[in-house]
C-alpha atoms as a PDB file:
ATOM      1  CA  UNK A   1     -35.254   5.536  -2.266  1.00  0.00           C
ATOM      2  CA  UNK A   2     -32.941   4.450   0.518  1.00  0.00           C
ATOM      3  CA  UNK A   3     -33.970   5.341   4.078  1.00  0.00           C
ATOM      4  CA  UNK A   4     -31.524   6.267   6.783  1.00  0.00           C
ATOM      5  CA  UNK A   5     -31.709   6.687  10.534  1.00  0.00           C
ATOM      6  CA  UNK A   6     -29.558   9.767  11.040  1.00  0.00           C
ATOM      7  CA  UNK A   7     -27.621  10.226  14.261  1.00  0.00           C
ATOM      8  CA  UNK A   8     -26.539  13.864  14.173  1.00  0.00           C
ATOM      9  CA  UNK A   9     -24.223  15.309  16.810  1.00  0.00           C
ATOM     10  CA  UNK A  10     -23.117  18.922  16.791  1.00  0.00           C
ATOM     11  CA  UNK A  11     -20.018  19.412  19.014  1.00  0.00           C
ATOM     12  CA  UNK A  12     -19.022  22.930  17.987  1.00  0.00           C
ATOM     13  CA  UNK A  13     -21.113  26.077  18.425  1.00  0.00           C
ATOM     14  CA  UNK A  14     -19.981  27.451  15.075  1.00  0.00           C
ATOM     15  CA  UNK A  15     -22.310  25.022  13.361  1.00  0.00           C
ATOM     16  CA  UNK A  16     -25.242  26.973  14.813  1.00  0.00           C
ATOM     17  CA  UNK A  17     -24.604  29.532  12.048  1.00  0.00           C
ATOM     18  CA  UNK A  18     -25.565  27.027   9.382  1.00  0.00           C
ATOM     19  CA  UNK A  19     -29.238  27.498   8.565  1.00  0.00           C
ATOM     20  CA  UNK A  20     -31.204  24.275   8.628  1.00  0.00           C
ATOM     21  CA  UNK A  21     -28.176  21.921   8.857  1.00  0.00           C
ATOM     22  CA  UNK A  22     -30.435  18.812   9.072  1.00  0.00           C
ATOM     23  CA  UNK A  23     -32.257  19.716   5.823  1.00  0.00           C
ATOM     24  CA  UNK A  24     -28.882  20.168   4.091  1.00  0.00           C
ATOM     25  CA  UNK A  25     -27.749  16.754   5.357  1.00  0.00           C
ATOM     26  CA  UNK A  26     -30.889  15.007   4.194  1.00  0.00           C
ATOM     27  CA  UNK A  27     -30.708  16.708   0.795  1.00  0.00           C
ATOM     28  CA  UNK A  28     -27.051  15.747   0.227  1.00  0.00           C
ATOM     29  CA  UNK A  29     -27.320  12.149   1.414  1.00  0.00           C
ATOM     30  CA  UNK A  30     -30.667  11.606  -0.401  1.00  0.00           C
ATOM     31  CA  UNK A  31     -29.206  12.898  -3.675  1.00  0.00           C
ATOM     32  CA  UNK A  32     -26.162  10.629  -3.313  1.00  0.00           C
ATOM     33  CA  UNK A  33     -28.119   7.482  -2.332  1.00  0.00           C
ATOM     34  CA  UNK A  34     -30.805   8.075  -4.956  1.00  0.00           C
ATOM     35  CA  UNK A  35     -28.248   8.565  -7.694  1.00  0.00           C
ATOM     36  CA  UNK A  36     -26.227   5.541  -6.669  1.00  0.00           C
ATOM     37  CA  UNK A  37     -29.323   3.296  -6.429  1.00  0.00           C
ATOM     38  CA  UNK A  38     -30.785   4.420  -9.774  1.00  0.00           C
ATOM     39  CA  UNK A  39     -27.663   4.959 -11.891  1.00  0.00           C
ATOM     40  CA  UNK A  40     -25.108   2.562 -10.336  1.00  0.00           C
ATOM     41  CA  UNK A  41     -27.426  -0.199  -8.962  1.00  0.00           C
ATOM     42  CA  UNK A  42     -26.161   0.364  -5.396  1.00  0.00           C
ATOM     43  CA  UNK A  43     -28.208  -1.712  -2.964  1.00  0.00           C
ATOM     44  CA  UNK A  44     -28.986  -0.389   0.507  1.00  0.00           C
ATOM     45  CA  UNK A  45     -29.963  -2.129   3.675  1.00  0.00           C
ATOM     46  CA  UNK A  46     -33.774  -2.088   4.238  1.00  0.00           C
ATOM     47  CA  UNK A  47     -35.865  -0.874   5.845  1.00  0.00           C
ATOM     48  CA  UNK A  48     -33.216   1.665   6.818  1.00  0.00           C
ATOM     49  CA  UNK A  49     -29.506   1.937   7.492  1.00  0.00           C
ATOM     50  CA  UNK A  50     -27.936   4.000  10.301  1.00  0.00           C
ATOM     51  CA  UNK A  51     -25.679   6.859   9.483  1.00  0.00           C
ATOM     52  CA  UNK A  52     -23.824   8.894  12.102  1.00  0.00           C
ATOM     53  CA  UNK A  53     -22.686  12.476  11.394  1.00  0.00           C
ATOM     54  CA  UNK A  54     -20.551  14.558  13.757  1.00  0.00           C
ATOM     55  CA  UNK A  55     -20.127  18.307  13.208  1.00  0.00           C
ATOM     56  CA  UNK A  56     -17.077  19.434  15.126  1.00  0.00           C
ATOM     57  CA  UNK A  57     -14.199  21.878  14.975  1.00  0.00           C
ATOM     58  CA  UNK A  58     -10.573  21.834  13.767  1.00  0.00           C
ATOM     59  CA  UNK A  59      -9.124  20.948  17.149  1.00  0.00           C
ATOM     60  CA  UNK A  60     -11.326  17.868  17.559  1.00  0.00           C
ATOM     61  CA  UNK A  61     -10.916  16.606  14.024  1.00  0.00           C
ATOM     62  CA  UNK A  62      -7.114  17.074  14.313  1.00  0.00           C
ATOM     63  CA  UNK A  63      -7.076  14.687  17.281  1.00  0.00           C
ATOM     64  CA  UNK A  64      -9.225  12.119  15.362  1.00  0.00           C
ATOM     65  CA  UNK A  65      -7.077  12.451  12.281  1.00  0.00           C
ATOM     66  CA  UNK A  66      -3.899  11.992  14.295  1.00  0.00           C
ATOM     67  CA  UNK A  67      -5.269   8.955  16.107  1.00  0.00           C
ATOM     68  CA  UNK A  68      -6.809   7.130  13.195  1.00  0.00           C
ATOM     69  CA  UNK A  69      -4.720   8.237  10.217  1.00  0.00           C
ATOM     70  CA  UNK A  70      -1.402   9.347  11.848  1.00  0.00           C
ATOM     71  CA  UNK A  71      -1.885  12.828  10.321  1.00  0.00           C
ATOM     72  CA  UNK A  72      -1.456  15.462  12.984  1.00  0.00           C
ATOM     73  CA  UNK A  73      -3.495  18.162  11.187  1.00  0.00           C
ATOM     74  CA  UNK A  74      -7.073  19.333  10.795  1.00  0.00           C
ATOM     75  CA  UNK A  75      -8.958  18.193   7.745  1.00  0.00           C
ATOM     76  CA  UNK A  76     -12.366  18.921   6.252  1.00  0.00           C
ATOM     77  CA  UNK A  77     -14.066  15.542   6.470  1.00  0.00           C
ATOM     78  CA  UNK A  78     -13.271  12.087   7.790  1.00  0.00           C
ATOM     79  CA  UNK A  79     -15.290   8.951   7.057  1.00  0.00           C
ATOM     80  CA  UNK A  80     -15.241   5.727   9.060  1.00  0.00           C
ATOM     81  CA  UNK A  81     -17.113   2.843   7.411  1.00  0.00           C
ATOM     82  CA  UNK A  82     -18.655   0.514   9.995  1.00  0.00           C
ATOM     83  CA  UNK A  83     -17.589  -2.469   7.894  1.00  0.00           C
ATOM     84  CA  UNK A  84     -15.233  -2.951   4.977  1.00  0.00           C
ATOM     85  CA  UNK A  85     -17.129  -2.708   1.749  1.00  0.00           C
ATOM     86  CA  UNK A  86     -16.392  -2.513  -1.975  1.00  0.00           C
ATOM     87  CA  UNK A  87     -18.257  -0.085  -4.206  1.00  0.00           C
ATOM     88  CA  UNK A  88     -21.564  -1.629  -5.306  1.00  0.00           C
ATOM     89  CA  UNK A  89     -21.717  -4.178  -2.465  1.00  0.00           C
ATOM     90  CA  UNK A  90     -24.612  -4.308  -0.046  1.00  0.00           C
ATOM     91  CA  UNK A  91     -23.776  -2.326   3.074  1.00  0.00           C
ATOM     92  CA  UNK A  92     -24.870  -3.468   6.487  1.00  0.00           C
ATOM     93  CA  UNK A  93     -27.421  -1.809   8.734  1.00  0.00           C
ATOM     94  CA  UNK A  94     -24.771   0.622  10.061  1.00  0.00           C
ATOM     95  CA  UNK A  95     -22.986   2.545   7.330  1.00  0.00           C
ATOM     96  CA  UNK A  96     -20.511   4.367   9.596  1.00  0.00           C
ATOM     97  CA  UNK A  97     -19.525   7.804  10.683  1.00  0.00           C
ATOM     98  CA  UNK A  98     -18.849  11.083   8.859  1.00  0.00           C
ATOM     99  CA  UNK A  99     -17.013  13.772  10.861  1.00  0.00           C
ATOM    100  CA  UNK A 100     -16.845  17.357   9.550  1.00  0.00           C
ATOM    101  CA  UNK A 101     -14.776  20.282  10.832  1.00  0.00           C
ATOM    102  CA  UNK A 102     -16.353  23.760  10.625  1.00  0.00           C
ATOM    103  CA  UNK A 103     -13.269  25.962  10.352  1.00  0.00           C
ATOM    104  CA  UNK A 104     -11.611  23.925   7.587  1.00  0.00           C
ATOM    105  CA  UNK A 105     -14.844  23.824   5.542  1.00  0.00           C
ATOM    106  CA  UNK A 106     -15.275  27.591   6.022  1.00  0.00           C
ATOM    107  CA  UNK A 107     -11.672  28.347   4.941  1.00  0.00           C
ATOM    108  CA  UNK A 108     -11.932  26.055   1.895  1.00  0.00           C
ATOM    109  CA  UNK A 109     -15.294  27.506   0.843  1.00  0.00           C
ATOM    110  CA  UNK A 110     -13.857  31.041   1.012  1.00  0.00           C
ATOM    111  CA  UNK A 111     -10.701  30.011  -0.877  1.00  0.00           C
ATOM    112  CA  UNK A 112     -12.877  28.372  -3.592  1.00  0.00           C
ATOM    113  CA  UNK A 113     -15.214  31.367  -3.585  1.00  0.00           C
ATOM    114  CA  UNK A 114     -18.154  29.056  -3.063  1.00  0.00           C
ATOM    115  CA  UNK A 115     -21.062  29.319  -0.655  1.00  0.00           C
ATOM    116  CA  UNK A 116     -20.356  27.456   2.531  1.00  0.00           C
ATOM    117  CA  UNK A 117     -23.449  25.261   2.146  1.00  0.00           C
ATOM    118  CA  UNK A 118     -22.439  24.231  -1.377  1.00  0.00           C
ATOM    119  CA  UNK A 119     -18.984  23.149  -0.225  1.00  0.00           C
ATOM    120  CA  UNK A 120     -20.457  21.324   2.787  1.00  0.00           C
ATOM    121  CA  UNK A 121     -22.867  19.498   0.537  1.00  0.00           C
ATOM    122  CA  UNK A 122     -19.946  18.343  -1.607  1.00  0.00           C
ATOM    123  CA  UNK A 123     -18.052  17.115   1.455  1.00  0.00           C
ATOM    124  CA  UNK A 124     -21.132  15.213   2.751  1.00  0.00           C
ATOM    125  CA  UNK A 125     -21.438  13.479  -0.597  1.00  0.00           C
ATOM    126  CA  UNK A 126     -17.704  12.803  -0.597  1.00  0.00           C
ATOM    127  CA  UNK A 127     -17.854  11.362   2.927  1.00  0.00           C
ATOM    128  CA  UNK A 128     -20.897   9.242   2.077  1.00  0.00           C
ATOM    129  CA  UNK A 129     -19.133   7.686  -0.916  1.00  0.00           C
ATOM    130  CA  UNK A 130     -16.211   6.734   1.347  1.00  0.00           C
ATOM    131  CA  UNK A 131     -18.703   4.847   3.577  1.00  0.00           C
ATOM    132  CA  UNK A 132     -19.704   2.850   0.504  1.00  0.00           C
ATOM    133  CA  UNK A 133     -16.135   1.848  -0.365  1.00  0.00           C
ATOM    134  CA  UNK A 134     -15.114   4.529  -2.795  1.00  0.00           C
ATOM    135  CA  UNK A 135     -11.668   6.144  -2.391  1.00  0.00           C
ATOM    136  CA  UNK A 136      -9.286   8.356  -4.253  1.00  0.00           C
ATOM    137  CA  UNK A 137      -5.903   6.826  -3.453  1.00  0.00           C
ATOM    138  CA  UNK A 138      -5.217   5.601  -7.017  1.00  0.00           C
ATOM    139  CA  UNK A 139      -5.880   7.850 -10.015  1.00  0.00           C
ATOM    140  CA  UNK A 140      -8.472   5.541 -11.549  1.00  0.00           C
ATOM    141  CA  UNK A 141     -10.326   5.331  -8.244  1.00  0.00           C
ATOM    142  CA  UNK A 142     -10.117   9.100  -7.873  1.00  0.00           C
ATOM    143  CA  UNK A 143     -11.526   9.653 -11.365  1.00  0.00           C
ATOM    144  CA  UNK A 144     -14.449   7.297 -10.558  1.00  0.00           C
ATOM    145  CA  UNK A 145     -15.181   8.895  -7.225  1.00  0.00           C
ATOM    146  CA  UNK A 146     -14.842  12.465  -8.457  1.00  0.00           C
ATOM    147  CA  UNK A 147     -17.071  11.668 -11.444  1.00  0.00           C
ATOM    148  CA  UNK A 148     -19.737  10.302  -9.132  1.00  0.00           C
ATOM    149  CA  UNK A 149     -19.495  13.363  -6.856  1.00  0.00           C
ATOM    150  CA  UNK A 150     -19.813  15.697  -9.852  1.00  0.00           C
ATOM    151  CA  UNK A 151     -22.880  13.880 -11.259  1.00  0.00           C
ATOM    152  CA  UNK A 152     -24.556  13.672  -7.790  1.00  0.00           C
ATOM    153  CA  UNK A 153     -23.978  17.370  -7.214  1.00  0.00           C
ATOM    154  CA  UNK A 154     -25.361  18.159 -10.679  1.00  0.00           C
ATOM    155  CA  UNK A 155     -28.660  16.573  -9.554  1.00  0.00           C
ATOM    156  CA  UNK A 156     -28.737  19.320  -6.933  1.00  0.00           C
ATOM    157  CA  UNK A 157     -27.840  21.984  -9.516  1.00  0.00           C
ATOM    158  CA  UNK A 158     -24.421  22.439  -7.949  1.00  0.00           C
ATOM    159  CA  UNK A 159     -21.220  23.071  -9.930  1.00  0.00           C
ATOM    160  CA  UNK A 160     -18.444  20.602 -10.622  1.00  0.00           C
ATOM    161  CA  UNK A 161     -16.128  20.857  -7.619  1.00  0.00           C
ATOM    162  CA  UNK A 162     -13.225  19.413  -9.640  1.00  0.00           C
ATOM    163  CA  UNK A 163     -13.541  21.542 -12.764  1.00  0.00           C
ATOM    164  CA  UNK A 164     -10.029  22.472 -13.968  1.00  0.00           C
ATOM    165  CA  UNK A 165      -8.180  20.124 -11.587  1.00  0.00           C
ATOM    166  CA  UNK A 166      -6.471  16.786 -11.804  1.00  0.00           C
ATOM    167  CA  UNK A 167      -7.832  13.804  -9.773  1.00  0.00           C
ATOM    168  CA  UNK A 168      -6.475  13.706  -6.248  1.00  0.00           C
END
């Protein structure tokens, strides 16, 4: 089992409404890293790698998204790998940063008629995969990444977030 030194920053008060946020984070990242290690042969830096998570709001993530991706809009999750990596390669001691916006996650969960915590778990897994080099720009990459997300979430008894949709 991969070990991580989590650096968790909560910048928006709305996140206080999420019961046991740290436990949710550990559960999501552990499920993803365990699955990747066991089923995909993904190596991880030992004895532990550092992972930074920032829980913010739409206003802050919009600024970050505009600065780093030239997209002047809020989004649900952004991932910033510390170093370029291809899926399956050994990551360094610092994986990178995952930034999540409360309001967008809340709106999406309501639109999907899913519990907030379930949607957040999916986005944490999604963001974690990005740190390990996975992306969804090309359809074949999207199919691979979405398949991994679905299988990882199944280990947590969570539904397929892409059921009935085309890869994005």
